[in-house]
Amino acid sequence: MPISAQLHSSTLVIIGFYVVYRVRSLFSVCGVWQALTVYAGVSTAVVASVLGFFQDDAKRLLACSTASQLGYVMVLVGLGSFSPSLLLLTFCCCNKAYAFV
């Protein structure tokens, strides 16, 4: 996969999480969305961590690590911790950017 495709896909993922962060008032109103978000985040973090454990390729390991980190971010969003979720997302983005440099 060319690096430009990786950068564009990463940008779209981050923009998606930013949109979720921007509509955070909807998450605090509806408890069902919070529960679904926590469930999706936990399942994403666990599955990505297990898949990453068995990877031999560095690119795939980095992709699984990123997916796991984004799962943690969604758990925080579902729990209503919006500022820590944005901070974790920022650290994850900086970490992955330094890994590609």
PDB file of N, CA and C in Angstrom:
ATOM      1  N   MET A   1       0.852  -1.178   0.000  1.00  0.00           N
ATOM      2  CA  MET A   1       0.000   0.000   0.000  1.00  0.00           C
ATOM      3  C   MET A   1       0.899   1.243   0.000  1.00  0.00           C
ATOM      4  N   PRO A   2       0.660   2.155  -0.926  1.00  0.00           N
ATOM      5  CA  PRO A   2       1.460   3.376  -0.962  1.00  0.00           C
ATOM      6  C   PRO A   2       1.241   4.216   0.289  1.00  0.00           C
ATOM      7  N   ILE A   3       2.247   4.991   0.613  1.00  0.00           N
ATOM      8  CA  ILE A   3       2.175   5.813   1.825  1.00  0.00           C
ATOM      9  C   ILE A   3       1.066   6.852   1.720  1.00  0.00           C
ATOM     10  N   SER A   4       0.782   7.354   0.520  1.00  0.00           N
ATOM     11  CA  SER A   4      -0.274   8.352   0.375  1.00  0.00           C
ATOM     12  C   SER A   4      -1.629   7.758   0.733  1.00  0.00           C
ATOM     13  N   ALA A   5      -1.856   6.494   0.381  1.00  0.00           N
ATOM     14  CA  ALA A   5      -3.123   5.848   0.739  1.00  0.00           C
ATOM     15  C   ALA A   5      -3.224   5.670   2.247  1.00  0.00           C
ATOM     16  N   GLN A   6      -2.114   5.342   2.894  1.00  0.00           N
ATOM     17  CA  GLN A   6      -2.135   5.214   4.350  1.00  0.00           C
ATOM     18  C   GLN A   6      -2.421   6.547   5.015  1.00  0.00           C
ATOM     19  N   LEU A   7      -1.814   7.612   4.499  1.00  0.00           N
ATOM     20  CA  LEU A   7      -2.044   8.928   5.092  1.00  0.00           C
ATOM     21  C   LEU A   7      -3.488   9.375   4.911  1.00  0.00           C
ATOM     22  N   HIS A   8      -4.061   9.143   3.738  1.00  0.00           N
ATOM     23  CA  HIS A   8      -5.438   9.555   3.500  1.00  0.00           C
ATOM     24  C   HIS A   8      -6.401   8.742   4.350  1.00  0.00           C
ATOM     25  N   SER A   9      -6.166   7.448   4.475  1.00  0.00           N
ATOM     26  CA  SER A   9      -7.070   6.634   5.283  1.00  0.00           C
ATOM     27  C   SER A   9      -6.951   7.017   6.755  1.00  0.00           C
ATOM     28  N   SER A  10      -5.753   7.315   7.220  1.00  0.00           N
ATOM     29  CA  SER A  10      -5.582   7.753   8.604  1.00  0.00           C
ATOM     30  C   SER A  10      -6.276   9.085   8.833  1.00  0.00           C
ATOM     31  N   THR A  11      -6.183   9.972   7.854  1.00  0.00           N
ATOM     32  CA  THR A  11      -6.848  11.267   7.973  1.00  0.00           C
ATOM     33  C   THR A  11      -8.356  11.093   8.064  1.00  0.00           C
ATOM     34  N   LEU A  12      -8.920  10.207   7.262  1.00  0.00           N
ATOM     35  CA  LEU A  12     -10.361   9.997   7.300  1.00  0.00           C
ATOM     36  C   LEU A  12     -10.807   9.388   8.625  1.00  0.00           C
ATOM     37  N   VAL A  13     -10.008   8.493   9.183  1.00  0.00           N
ATOM     38  CA  VAL A  13     -10.351   7.906  10.479  1.00  0.00           C
ATOM     39  C   VAL A  13     -10.334   8.970  11.559  1.00  0.00           C
ATOM     40  N   ILE A  14      -9.313   9.800  11.552  1.00  0.00           N
ATOM     41  CA  ILE A  14      -9.209  10.855  12.561  1.00  0.00           C
ATOM     42  C   ILE A  14     -10.348  11.860  12.409  1.00  0.00           C
ATOM     43  N   ILE A  15     -10.697  12.187  11.189  1.00  0.00           N
ATOM     44  CA  ILE A  15     -11.819  13.106  10.976  1.00  0.00           C
ATOM     45  C   ILE A  15     -13.113  12.487  11.491  1.00  0.00           C
ATOM     46  N   GLY A  16     -13.282  11.175  11.293  1.00  0.00           N
ATOM     47  CA  GLY A  16     -14.467  10.502  11.819  1.00  0.00           C
ATOM     48  C   GLY A  16     -14.549  10.585  13.326  1.00  0.00           C
ATOM     49  N   PHE A  17     -13.436  10.385  14.001  1.00  0.00           N
ATOM     50  CA  PHE A  17     -13.441  10.495  15.457  1.00  0.00           C
ATOM     51  C   PHE A  17     -13.639  11.932  15.912  1.00  0.00           C
ATOM     52  N   TYR A  18     -13.123  12.881  15.144  1.00  0.00           N
ATOM     53  CA  TYR A  18     -13.342  14.279  15.479  1.00  0.00           C
ATOM     54  C   TYR A  18     -14.825  14.641  15.362  1.00  0.00           C
ATOM     55  N   VAL A  19     -15.493  14.102  14.344  1.00  0.00           N
ATOM     56  CA  VAL A  19     -16.938  14.344  14.196  1.00  0.00           C
ATOM     57  C   VAL A  19     -17.699  13.743  15.378  1.00  0.00           C
ATOM     58  N   VAL A  20     -17.302  12.542  15.789  1.00  0.00           N
ATOM     59  CA  VAL A  20     -17.927  11.932  16.973  1.00  0.00           C
ATOM     60  C   VAL A  20     -17.707  12.816  18.181  1.00  0.00           C
ATOM     61  N   TYR A  21     -16.516  13.369  18.313  1.00  0.00           N
ATOM     62  CA  TYR A  21     -16.232  14.254  19.438  1.00  0.00           C
ATOM     63  C   TYR A  21     -17.092  15.519  19.370  1.00  0.00           C
ATOM     64  N   ARG A  22     -17.305  16.016  18.178  1.00  0.00           N
ATOM     65  CA  ARG A  22     -18.088  17.246  18.036  1.00  0.00           C
ATOM     66  C   ARG A  22     -19.571  17.047  18.374  1.00  0.00           C
ATOM     67  N   VAL A  23     -20.095  15.859  18.184  1.00  0.00           N
ATOM     68  CA  VAL A  23     -21.503  15.589  18.506  1.00  0.00           C
ATOM     69  C   VAL A  23     -21.614  14.893  19.869  1.00  0.00           C
ATOM     70  N   ARG A  24     -20.710  15.221  20.750  1.00  0.00           N
ATOM     71  CA  ARG A  24     -20.672  14.576  22.059  1.00  0.00           C
ATOM     72  C   ARG A  24     -21.913  14.837  22.893  1.00  0.00           C
ATOM     73  N   SER A  25     -22.619  15.911  22.615  1.00  0.00           N
ATOM     74  CA  SER A  25     -23.842  16.184  23.372  1.00  0.00           C
ATOM     75  C   SER A  25     -24.907  15.122  23.104  1.00  0.00           C
ATOM     76  N   LEU A  26     -24.913  14.548  21.909  1.00  0.00           N
ATOM     77  CA  LEU A  26     -25.860  13.479  21.607  1.00  0.00           C
ATOM     78  C   LEU A  26     -25.552  12.214  22.410  1.00  0.00           C
ATOM     79  N   PHE A  27     -24.269  11.956  22.682  1.00  0.00           N
ATOM     80  CA  PHE A  27     -23.900  10.784  23.460  1.00  0.00           C
ATOM     81  C   PHE A  27     -24.330  10.915  24.916  1.00  0.00           C
ATOM     82  N   SER A  28     -24.275  12.124  25.441  1.00  0.00           N
ATOM     83  CA  SER A  28     -24.646  12.300  26.845  1.00  0.00           C
ATOM     84  C   SER A  28     -26.160  12.242  27.038  1.00  0.00           C
ATOM     85  N   VAL A  29     -26.927  12.446  25.981  1.00  0.00           N
ATOM     86  CA  VAL A  29     -28.387  12.401  26.085  1.00  0.00           C
ATOM     87  C   VAL A  29     -28.915  10.973  26.000  1.00  0.00           C
ATOM     88  N   CYS A  30     -28.353  10.175  25.136  1.00  0.00           N
ATOM     89  CA  CYS A  30     -28.877   8.839  24.860  1.00  0.00           C
ATOM     90  C   CYS A  30     -27.969   7.768  25.460  1.00  0.00           C
ATOM     91  N   GLY A  31     -28.482   7.054  26.450  1.00  0.00           N
ATOM     92  CA  GLY A  31     -27.720   6.012  27.107  1.00  0.00           C
ATOM     93  C   GLY A  31     -27.464   4.799  26.229  1.00  0.00           C
ATOM     94  N   VAL A  32     -28.366   4.542  25.278  1.00  0.00           N
ATOM     95  CA  VAL A  32     -28.181   3.397  24.374  1.00  0.00           C
ATOM     96  C   VAL A  32     -26.953   3.619  23.499  1.00  0.00           C
ATOM     97  N   TRP A  33     -26.779   4.839  22.996  1.00  0.00           N
ATOM     98  CA  TRP A  33     -25.610   5.123  22.167  1.00  0.00           C
ATOM     99  C   TRP A  33     -24.331   5.004  22.973  1.00  0.00           C
ATOM    100  N   GLN A  34     -24.385   5.411  24.234  1.00  0.00           N
ATOM    101  CA  GLN A  34     -23.197   5.276  25.079  1.00  0.00           C
ATOM    102  C   GLN A  34     -22.833   3.804  25.252  1.00  0.00           C
ATOM    103  N   ALA A  35     -23.821   2.972  25.521  1.00  0.00           N
ATOM    104  CA  ALA A  35     -23.557   1.543  25.719  1.00  0.00           C
ATOM    105  C   ALA A  35     -23.033   0.901  24.438  1.00  0.00           C
ATOM    106  N   LEU A  36     -23.616   1.250  23.298  1.00  0.00           N
ATOM    107  CA  LEU A  36     -23.146   0.710  22.022  1.00  0.00           C
ATOM    108  C   LEU A  36     -21.725   1.168  21.698  1.00  0.00           C
ATOM    109  N   THR A  37     -21.425   2.400  22.029  1.00  0.00           N
ATOM    110  CA  THR A  37     -20.090   2.929  21.774  1.00  0.00           C
ATOM    111  C   THR A  37     -19.048   2.228  22.646  1.00  0.00           C
ATOM    112  N   VAL A  38     -19.389   2.010  23.913  1.00  0.00           N
ATOM    113  CA  VAL A  38     -18.461   1.297  24.800  1.00  0.00           C
ATOM    114  C   VAL A  38     -18.264  -0.131  24.310  1.00  0.00           C
ATOM    115  N   TYR A  39     -19.342  -0.794  23.938  1.00  0.00           N
ATOM    116  CA  TYR A  39     -19.239  -2.170  23.439  1.00  0.00           C
ATOM    117  C   TYR A  39     -18.394  -2.239  22.167  1.00  0.00           C
ATOM    118  N   ALA A  40     -18.627  -1.322  21.241  1.00  0.00           N
ATOM    119  CA  ALA A  40     -17.849  -1.307  19.994  1.00  0.00           C
ATOM    120  C   ALA A  40     -16.381  -1.005  20.275  1.00  0.00           C
ATOM    121  N   GLY A  41     -16.121  -0.090  21.195  1.00  0.00           N
ATOM    122  CA  GLY A  41     -14.743   0.249  21.526  1.00  0.00           C
ATOM    123  C   GLY A  41     -13.997  -0.893  22.194  1.00  0.00           C
ATOM    124  N   VAL A  42     -14.662  -1.565  23.137  1.00  0.00           N
ATOM    125  CA  VAL A  42     -14.025  -2.691  23.826  1.00  0.00           C
ATOM    126  C   VAL A  42     -13.760  -3.833  22.858  1.00  0.00           C
ATOM    127  N   SER A  43     -14.738  -4.136  22.019  1.00  0.00           N
ATOM    128  CA  SER A  43     -14.542  -5.237  21.075  1.00  0.00           C
ATOM    129  C   SER A  43     -13.450  -4.893  20.062  1.00  0.00           C
ATOM    130  N   THR A  44     -13.381  -3.657  19.611  1.00  0.00           N
ATOM    131  CA  THR A  44     -12.330  -3.247  18.684  1.00  0.00           C
ATOM    132  C   THR A  44     -10.958  -3.341  19.338  1.00  0.00           C
ATOM    133  N   ALA A  45     -10.846  -2.863  20.566  1.00  0.00           N
ATOM    134  CA  ALA A  45      -9.557  -2.896  21.261  1.00  0.00           C
ATOM    135  C   ALA A  45      -9.085  -4.331  21.500  1.00  0.00           C
ATOM    136  N   VAL A  46      -9.995  -5.197  21.911  1.00  0.00           N
ATOM    137  CA  VAL A  46      -9.610  -6.581  22.211  1.00  0.00           C
ATOM    138  C   VAL A  46      -9.235  -7.336  20.934  1.00  0.00           C
ATOM    139  N   VAL A  47     -10.066  -7.232  19.910  1.00  0.00           N
ATOM    140  CA  VAL A  47      -9.793  -7.964  18.662  1.00  0.00           C
ATOM    141  C   VAL A  47      -8.505  -7.465  18.008  1.00  0.00           C
ATOM    142  N   ALA A  48      -8.309  -6.148  17.980  1.00  0.00           N
ATOM    143  CA  ALA A  48      -7.099  -5.601  17.367  1.00  0.00           C
ATOM    144  C   ALA A  48      -5.853  -5.987  18.163  1.00  0.00           C
ATOM    145  N   SER A  49      -5.967  -6.035  19.471  1.00  0.00           N
ATOM    146  CA  SER A  49      -4.822  -6.446  20.294  1.00  0.00           C
ATOM    147  C   SER A  49      -4.464  -7.909  20.060  1.00  0.00           C
ATOM    148  N   VAL A  50      -5.474  -8.756  19.988  1.00  0.00           N
ATOM    149  CA  VAL A  50      -5.216 -10.177  19.743  1.00  0.00           C
ATOM    150  C   VAL A  50      -4.624 -10.378  18.349  1.00  0.00           C
ATOM    151  N   LEU A  51      -5.176  -9.705  17.356  1.00  0.00           N
ATOM    152  CA  LEU A  51      -4.631  -9.818  16.003  1.00  0.00           C
ATOM    153  C   LEU A  51      -3.199  -9.285  15.931  1.00  0.00           C
ATOM    154  N   GLY A  52      -2.940  -8.185  16.619  1.00  0.00           N
ATOM    155  CA  GLY A  52      -1.598  -7.614  16.620  1.00  0.00           C
ATOM    156  C   GLY A  52      -0.573  -8.518  17.272  1.00  0.00           C
ATOM    157  N   PHE A  53      -1.006  -9.302  18.233  1.00  0.00           N
ATOM    158  CA  PHE A  53      -0.092 -10.206  18.923  1.00  0.00           C
ATOM    159  C   PHE A  53       0.491 -11.248  17.983  1.00  0.00           C
ATOM    160  N   PHE A  54      -0.256 -11.621  16.960  1.00  0.00           N
ATOM    161  CA  PHE A  54       0.171 -12.677  16.053  1.00  0.00           C
ATOM    162  C   PHE A  54       0.754 -12.163  14.739  1.00  0.00           C
ATOM    163  N   GLN A  55       1.012 -10.875  14.616  1.00  0.00           N
ATOM    164  CA  GLN A  55       1.534 -10.314  13.368  1.00  0.00           C
ATOM    165  C   GLN A  55       3.051 -10.396  13.323  1.00  0.00           C
ATOM    166  N   ASP A  56       3.562 -10.707  12.140  1.00  0.00           N
ATOM    167  CA  ASP A  56       5.004 -10.733  11.919  1.00  0.00           C
ATOM    168  C   ASP A  56       5.487  -9.492  11.169  1.00  0.00           C
ATOM    169  N   ASP A  57       4.595  -8.876  10.418  1.00  0.00           N
ATOM    170  CA  ASP A  57       4.939  -7.714   9.609  1.00  0.00           C
ATOM    171  C   ASP A  57       4.779  -6.443  10.449  1.00  0.00           C
ATOM    172  N   ALA A  58       5.734  -5.528  10.339  1.00  0.00           N
ATOM    173  CA  ALA A  58       5.701  -4.307  11.141  1.00  0.00           C
ATOM    174  C   ALA A  58       4.533  -3.402  10.756  1.00  0.00           C
ATOM    175  N   LYS A  59       4.209  -3.347   9.460  1.00  0.00           N
ATOM    176  CA  LYS A  59       3.091  -2.500   9.033  1.00  0.00           C
ATOM    177  C   LYS A  59       1.767  -3.007   9.590  1.00  0.00           C
ATOM    178  N   ARG A  60       1.579  -4.302   9.566  1.00  0.00           N
ATOM    179  CA  ARG A  60       0.334  -4.869  10.093  1.00  0.00           C
ATOM    180  C   ARG A  60       0.267  -4.709  11.607  1.00  0.00           C
ATOM    181  N   LEU A  61       1.397  -4.842  12.261  1.00  0.00           N
ATOM    182  CA  LEU A  61       1.431  -4.636  13.702  1.00  0.00           C
ATOM    183  C   LEU A  61       1.083  -3.197  14.056  1.00  0.00           C
ATOM    184  N   LEU A  62       1.593  -2.265  13.280  1.00  0.00           N
ATOM    185  CA  LEU A  62       1.286  -0.854  13.501  1.00  0.00           C
ATOM    186  C   LEU A  62      -0.190  -0.566  13.238  1.00  0.00           C
ATOM    187  N   ALA A  63      -0.757  -1.206  12.227  1.00  0.00           N
ATOM    188  CA  ALA A  63      -2.180  -1.030  11.933  1.00  0.00           C
ATOM    189  C   ALA A  63      -3.043  -1.592  13.059  1.00  0.00           C
ATOM    190  N   CYS A  64      -2.676  -2.747  13.576  1.00  0.00           N
ATOM    191  CA  CYS A  64      -3.438  -3.332  14.695  1.00  0.00           C
ATOM    192  C   CYS A  64      -3.301  -2.489  15.949  1.00  0.00           C
ATOM    193  N   SER A  65      -2.113  -1.929  16.158  1.00  0.00           N
ATOM    194  CA  SER A  65      -1.896  -1.050  17.300  1.00  0.00           C
ATOM    195  C   SER A  65      -2.762   0.203  17.195  1.00  0.00           C
ATOM    196  N   THR A  66      -2.847   0.759  16.002  1.00  0.00           N
ATOM    197  CA  THR A  66      -3.682   1.936  15.788  1.00  0.00           C
ATOM    198  C   THR A  66      -5.151   1.617  16.029  1.00  0.00           C
ATOM    199  N   ALA A  67      -5.611   0.498  15.512  1.00  0.00           N
ATOM    200  CA  ALA A  67      -7.011   0.109  15.718  1.00  0.00           C
ATOM    201  C   ALA A  67      -7.308  -0.096  17.199  1.00  0.00           C
ATOM    202  N   SER A  68      -6.370  -0.681  17.923  1.00  0.00           N
ATOM    203  CA  SER A  68      -6.561  -0.883  19.350  1.00  0.00           C
ATOM    204  C   SER A  68      -6.640   0.454  20.090  1.00  0.00           C
ATOM    205  N   GLN A  69      -5.762   1.375  19.738  1.00  0.00           N
ATOM    206  CA  GLN A  69      -5.790   2.700  20.368  1.00  0.00           C
ATOM    207  C   GLN A  69      -7.105   3.428  20.084  1.00  0.00           C
ATOM    208  N   LEU A  70      -7.598   3.309  18.860  1.00  0.00           N
ATOM    209  CA  LEU A  70      -8.863   3.967  18.525  1.00  0.00           C
ATOM    210  C   LEU A  70     -10.033   3.303  19.247  1.00  0.00           C
ATOM    211  N   GLY A  71      -9.912   2.015  19.527  1.00  0.00           N
ATOM    212  CA  GLY A  71     -10.916   1.350  20.352  1.00  0.00           C
ATOM    213  C   GLY A  71     -10.950   1.933  21.749  1.00  0.00           C
ATOM    214  N   TYR A  72      -9.769   2.198  22.322  1.00  0.00           N
ATOM    215  CA  TYR A  72      -9.705   2.829  23.645  1.00  0.00           C
ATOM    216  C   TYR A  72     -10.340   4.218  23.628  1.00  0.00           C
ATOM    217  N   VAL A  73     -10.107   4.950  22.539  1.00  0.00           N
ATOM    218  CA  VAL A  73     -10.700   6.285  22.403  1.00  0.00           C
ATOM    219  C   VAL A  73     -12.224   6.190  22.404  1.00  0.00           C
ATOM    220  N   MET A  74     -12.758   5.208  21.686  1.00  0.00           N
ATOM    221  CA  MET A  74     -14.217   5.064  21.638  1.00  0.00           C
ATOM    222  C   MET A  74     -14.789   4.632  22.984  1.00  0.00           C
ATOM    223  N   VAL A  75     -14.043   3.844  23.738  1.00  0.00           N
ATOM    224  CA  VAL A  75     -14.496   3.490  25.090  1.00  0.00           C
ATOM    225  C   VAL A  75     -14.605   4.749  25.941  1.00  0.00           C
ATOM    226  N   LEU A  76     -13.614   5.614  25.860  1.00  0.00           N
ATOM    227  CA  LEU A  76     -13.659   6.858  26.621  1.00  0.00           C
ATOM    228  C   LEU A  76     -14.821   7.750  26.182  1.00  0.00           C
ATOM    229  N   VAL A  77     -15.081   7.807  24.890  1.00  0.00           N
ATOM    230  CA  VAL A  77     -16.219   8.600  24.392  1.00  0.00           C
ATOM    231  C   VAL A  77     -17.525   8.024  24.933  1.00  0.00           C
ATOM    232  N   GLY A  78     -17.653   6.703  24.906  1.00  0.00           N
ATOM    233  CA  GLY A  78     -18.867   6.068  25.410  1.00  0.00           C
ATOM    234  C   GLY A  78     -19.065   6.257  26.900  1.00  0.00           C
ATOM    235  N   LEU A  79     -17.976   6.377  27.640  1.00  0.00           N
ATOM    236  CA  LEU A  79     -18.074   6.593  29.080  1.00  0.00           C
ATOM    237  C   LEU A  79     -18.293   8.060  29.442  1.00  0.00           C
ATOM    238  N   GLY A  80     -18.234   8.926  28.455  1.00  0.00           N
ATOM    239  CA  GLY A  80     -18.474  10.342  28.693  1.00  0.00           C
ATOM    240  C   GLY A  80     -17.225  11.127  29.032  1.00  0.00           C
ATOM    241  N   SER A  81     -16.067  10.535  28.878  1.00  0.00           N
ATOM    242  CA  SER A  81     -14.800  11.228  29.141  1.00  0.00           C
ATOM    243  C   SER A  81     -14.283  11.807  27.826  1.00  0.00           C
ATOM    244  N   PHE A  82     -14.826  12.948  27.458  1.00  0.00           N
ATOM    245  CA  PHE A  82     -14.542  13.485  26.123  1.00  0.00           C
ATOM    246  C   PHE A  82     -13.181  14.158  26.037  1.00  0.00           C
ATOM    247  N   SER A  83     -12.794  14.905  27.045  1.00  0.00           N
ATOM    248  CA  SER A  83     -11.479  15.556  27.001  1.00  0.00           C
ATOM    249  C   SER A  83     -10.341  14.539  27.035  1.00  0.00           C
ATOM    250  N   PRO A  84     -10.377  13.518  27.922  1.00  0.00           N
ATOM    251  CA  PRO A  84      -9.314  12.504  27.859  1.00  0.00           C
ATOM    252  C   PRO A  84      -9.305  11.727  26.542  1.00  0.00           C
ATOM    253  N   SER A  85     -10.478  11.531  25.935  1.00  0.00           N
ATOM    254  CA  SER A  85     -10.506  10.819  24.657  1.00  0.00           C
ATOM    255  C   SER A  85      -9.826  11.633  23.567  1.00  0.00           C
ATOM    256  N   LEU A  86     -10.033  12.925  23.567  1.00  0.00           N
ATOM    257  CA  LEU A  86      -9.368  13.778  22.572  1.00  0.00           C
ATOM    258  C   LEU A  86      -7.872  13.830  22.828  1.00  0.00           C
ATOM    259  N   LEU A  87      -7.472  13.838  24.087  1.00  0.00           N
ATOM    260  CA  LEU A  87      -6.052  13.822  24.421  1.00  0.00           C
ATOM    261  C   LEU A  87      -5.401  12.511  23.983  1.00  0.00           C
ATOM    262  N   LEU A  88      -6.065  11.385  24.240  1.00  0.00           N
ATOM    263  CA  LEU A  88      -5.540  10.087  23.815  1.00  0.00           C
ATOM    264  C   LEU A  88      -5.470  10.001  22.294  1.00  0.00           C
ATOM    265  N   LEU A  89      -6.466  10.538  21.614  1.00  0.00           N
ATOM    266  CA  LEU A  89      -6.457  10.551  20.153  1.00  0.00           C
ATOM    267  C   LEU A  89      -5.292  11.379  19.624  1.00  0.00           C
ATOM    268  N   THR A  90      -5.018  12.502  20.258  1.00  0.00           N
ATOM    269  CA  THR A  90      -3.895  13.347  19.852  1.00  0.00           C
ATOM    270  C   THR A  90      -2.570  12.626  20.053  1.00  0.00           C
ATOM    271  N   PHE A  91      -2.402  11.969  21.201  1.00  0.00           N
ATOM    272  CA  PHE A  91      -1.170  11.227  21.454  1.00  0.00           C
ATOM    273  C   PHE A  91      -1.006  10.068  20.477  1.00  0.00           C
ATOM    274  N   CYS A  92      -2.111   9.394  20.167  1.00  0.00           N
ATOM    275  CA  CYS A  92      -2.059   8.282  19.217  1.00  0.00           C
ATOM    276  C   CYS A  92      -1.642   8.785  17.835  1.00  0.00           C
ATOM    277  N   CYS A  93      -2.202   9.903  17.422  1.00  0.00           N
ATOM    278  CA  CYS A  93      -1.859  10.471  16.106  1.00  0.00           C
ATOM    279  C   CYS A  93      -0.391  10.881  16.052  1.00  0.00           C
ATOM    280  N   CYS A  94       0.089  11.520  17.105  1.00  0.00           N
ATOM    281  CA  CYS A  94       1.497  11.938  17.122  1.00  0.00           C
ATOM    282  C   CYS A  94       2.420  10.732  17.127  1.00  0.00           C
ATOM    283  N   ASN A  95       2.057   9.713  17.890  1.00  0.00           N
ATOM    284  CA  ASN A  95       2.873   8.504  17.947  1.00  0.00           C
ATOM    285  C   ASN A  95       2.960   7.833  16.577  1.00  0.00           C
ATOM    286  N   LYS A  96       1.849   7.720  15.885  1.00  0.00           N
ATOM    287  CA  LYS A  96       1.847   7.081  14.562  1.00  0.00           C
ATOM    288  C   LYS A  96       2.567   7.952  13.541  1.00  0.00           C
ATOM    289  N   ALA A  97       2.452   9.265  13.668  1.00  0.00           N
ATOM    290  CA  ALA A  97       3.165  10.144  12.741  1.00  0.00           C
ATOM    291  C   ALA A  97       4.670  10.009  12.916  1.00  0.00           C
ATOM    292  N   TYR A  98       5.126   9.914  14.161  1.00  0.00           N
ATOM    293  CA  TYR A  98       6.564   9.724  14.399  1.00  0.00           C
ATOM    294  C   TYR A  98       7.023   8.351  13.919  1.00  0.00           C
ATOM    295  N   ALA A  99       6.159   7.371  13.985  1.00  0.00           N
ATOM    296  CA  ALA A  99       6.526   6.025  13.517  1.00  0.00           C
ATOM    297  C   ALA A  99       6.726   6.012  11.996  1.00  0.00           C
ATOM    298  N   PHE A 100       5.961   6.838  11.272  1.00  0.00           N
ATOM    299  CA  PHE A 100       6.098   6.876   9.826  1.00  0.00           C
ATOM    300  C   PHE A 100       7.270   7.746   9.378  1.00  0.00           C
ATOM    301  N   VAL A 101       7.754   8.608  10.256  1.00  0.00           N
ATOM    302  CA  VAL A 101       8.865   9.496   9.884  1.00  0.00           C
ATOM    303  C   VAL A 101      10.144   8.801   9.995  1.00  0.00           C
TER     304      VAL A 101
END
